[in-house]
C-alpha atoms as a PDB file:
ATOM      1  CA  MET A   1      93.468  88.210  46.783  1.00  0.00           C
ATOM      2  CA  MET A   2      94.515  91.759  47.598  1.00  0.00           C
ATOM      3  CA  SER A   3      93.110  93.120  44.338  1.00  0.00           C
ATOM      4  CA  ILE A   4      89.780  91.407  45.032  1.00  0.00           C
ATOM      5  CA  ASN A   5      89.619  93.090  48.438  1.00  0.00           C
ATOM      6  CA  ASP A   6      90.719  96.451  47.031  1.00  0.00           C
ATOM      7  CA  ALA A   7      88.052  96.253  44.333  1.00  0.00           C
ATOM      8  CA  GLY A   8      85.313  95.486  46.874  1.00  0.00           C
ATOM      9  CA  ASN A   9      86.350  98.000  49.530  1.00  0.00           C
ATOM     10  CA  PRO A  10      84.556 101.076  48.106  1.00  0.00           C
ATOM     11  CA  ALA A  11      81.180  99.284  48.013  1.00  0.00           C
ATOM     12  CA  ALA A  12      81.741  97.901  51.521  1.00  0.00           C
ATOM     13  CA  LEU A  13      82.615 101.375  52.798  1.00  0.00           C
ATOM     14  CA  LYS A  14      79.435 102.793  51.262  1.00  0.00           C
ATOM     15  CA  ARG A  15      77.380 100.069  52.979  1.00  0.00           C
ATOM     16  CA  LEU A  16      78.990 100.826  56.330  1.00  0.00           C
ATOM     17  CA  VAL A  17      78.304 104.547  56.035  1.00  0.00           C
ATOM     18  CA  ALA A  18      74.747 103.909  54.832  1.00  0.00           C
ATOM     19  CA  GLY A  19      74.268 101.757  57.922  1.00  0.00           C
ATOM     20  CA  GLY A  20      75.299 104.617  60.194  1.00  0.00           C
ATOM     21  CA  ALA A  21      79.021 104.008  60.683  1.00  0.00           C
ATOM     22  CA  GLN A  22      81.035 107.130  61.414  1.00  0.00           C
ATOM     23  CA  LEU A  23      84.407 107.252  59.701  1.00  0.00           C
ATOM     24  CA  ARG A  24      87.342 108.616  61.652  1.00  0.00           C
ATOM     25  CA  ARG A  25      91.068 108.723  61.125  1.00  0.00           C
ATOM     26  CA  PHE A  26      93.197 106.480  63.285  1.00  0.00           C
ATOM     27  CA  PRO A  27      94.894 108.523  66.038  1.00  0.00           C
ATOM     28  CA  GLN A  28      98.591 109.123  65.319  1.00  0.00           C
ATOM     29  CA  ALA A  29      99.523 107.468  68.616  1.00  0.00           C
ATOM     30  CA  LEU A  30      97.832 104.301  67.421  1.00  0.00           C
ATOM     31  CA  MET A  31      99.514 104.417  64.028  1.00  0.00           C
ATOM     32  CA  LYS A  32     103.016 104.738  65.495  1.00  0.00           C
ATOM     33  CA  PRO A  33     104.611 101.301  65.846  1.00  0.00           C
ATOM     34  CA  PRO A  34     105.286 100.311  69.440  1.00  0.00           C
ATOM     35  CA  THR A  35     108.933 100.538  70.441  1.00  0.00           C
ATOM     36  CA  ARG A  36     108.737  97.015  71.823  1.00  0.00           C
ATOM     37  CA  ASP A  37     108.250  95.688  68.277  1.00  0.00           C
ATOM     38  CA  GLN A  38     111.517  97.259  67.188  1.00  0.00           C
ATOM     39  CA  HIS A  39     113.268  95.825  70.247  1.00  0.00           C
ATOM     40  CA  THR A  40     111.779  92.405  69.512  1.00  0.00           C
ATOM     41  CA  TYR A  41     112.998  92.504  65.901  1.00  0.00           C
ATOM     42  CA  ALA A  42     116.464  93.523  67.098  1.00  0.00           C
ATOM     43  CA  GLU A  43     116.550  90.715  69.658  1.00  0.00           C
ATOM     44  CA  VAL A  44     115.410  88.079  67.180  1.00  0.00           C
ATOM     45  CA  SER A  45     117.865  89.408  64.572  1.00  0.00           C
ATOM     46  CA  ALA A  46     120.716  89.085  67.078  1.00  0.00           C
ATOM     47  CA  LYS A  47     119.844  85.413  67.686  1.00  0.00           C
ATOM     48  CA  ASN A  48     118.725  84.311  64.226  1.00  0.00           C
ATOM     49  CA  ALA A  49     120.869  85.118  61.186  1.00  0.00           C
ATOM     50  CA  GLU A  50     118.186  83.910  58.754  1.00  0.00           C
ATOM     51  CA  PHE A  51     115.573  86.209  60.308  1.00  0.00           C
ATOM     52  CA  LYS A  52     118.049  89.117  60.258  1.00  0.00           C
ATOM     53  CA  LYS A  53     118.774  88.585  56.572  1.00  0.00           C
ATOM     54  CA  VAL A  54     115.087  88.512  55.645  1.00  0.00           C
ATOM     55  CA  TYR A  55     114.100  91.357  57.971  1.00  0.00           C
ATOM     56  CA  ASP A  56     116.937  93.646  56.838  1.00  0.00           C
ATOM     57  CA  SER A  57     116.019  92.959  53.213  1.00  0.00           C
ATOM     58  CA  MET A  58     112.359  93.722  53.878  1.00  0.00           C
ATOM     59  CA  VAL A  59     113.170  96.993  55.680  1.00  0.00           C
ATOM     60  CA  ALA A  60     115.444  98.136  52.833  1.00  0.00           C
ATOM     61  CA  PHE A  61     112.854  97.214  50.194  1.00  0.00           C
ATOM     62  CA  ARG A  62     110.076  98.960  52.132  1.00  0.00           C
ATOM     63  CA  GLY A  63     112.193 102.108  52.443  1.00  0.00           C
ATOM     64  CA  ASP A  64     112.781 102.191  48.693  1.00  0.00           C
ATOM     65  CA  GLN A  65     109.102 101.581  48.016  1.00  0.00           C
ATOM     66  CA  TYR A  66     108.044 104.398  50.351  1.00  0.00           C
ATOM     67  CA  LEU A  67     110.414 106.720  48.506  1.00  0.00           C
ATOM     68  CA  TRP A  68     108.837 105.793  45.165  1.00  0.00           C
ATOM     69  CA  TRP A  69     105.321 105.910  46.554  1.00  0.00           C
ATOM     70  CA  GLN A  70     105.867 109.357  48.061  1.00  0.00           C
ATOM     71  CA  VAL A  71     107.100 110.787  44.750  1.00  0.00           C
ATOM     72  CA  ALA A  72     104.737 109.041  42.348  1.00  0.00           C
ATOM     73  CA  GLU A  73     101.665 107.572  43.958  1.00  0.00           C
ATOM     74  CA  LEU A  74     101.036 109.924  46.882  1.00  0.00           C
ATOM     75  CA  SER A  75     101.211 113.092  44.797  1.00  0.00           C
ATOM     76  CA  PHE A  76      98.942 111.637  42.094  1.00  0.00           C
ATOM     77  CA  ASP A  77      96.444 110.207  44.584  1.00  0.00           C
ATOM     78  CA  SER A  78      96.329 113.500  46.490  1.00  0.00           C
ATOM     79  CA  PHE A  79      95.734 115.367  43.238  1.00  0.00           C
ATOM     80  CA  MET A  80      92.929 113.020  42.228  1.00  0.00           C
ATOM     81  CA  VAL A  81      91.213 113.354  45.606  1.00  0.00           C
ATOM     82  CA  ARG A  82      91.403 117.163  45.391  1.00  0.00           C
ATOM     83  CA  MET A  83      89.982 117.126  41.844  1.00  0.00           C
ATOM     84  CA  ARG A  84      87.165 114.780  42.862  1.00  0.00           C
ATOM     85  CA  SER A  85      86.059 117.098  45.644  1.00  0.00           C
ATOM     86  CA  ARG A  86      85.803 120.014  43.203  1.00  0.00           C
ATOM     87  CA  GLY A  87      83.023 118.235  41.358  1.00  0.00           C
END
């Protein structure tokens, strides 16, 4: 399902812009996760061992994936975007 959405996103974005939509970056304040979420996860983890096990595993996996993404994908994607803009 995700690949179907990813494949259709460029055409959808073009339609939005053609229809007058103005693209803007999300403000950093909006992108930062609310502290209450982290407190909620800590509270639930303290009360539910199963949740803690899954959540801790997910956080560790995500951290490793971000490391890989930063080294491999981000640098390549940034390069490709810069090359595209040069024509």
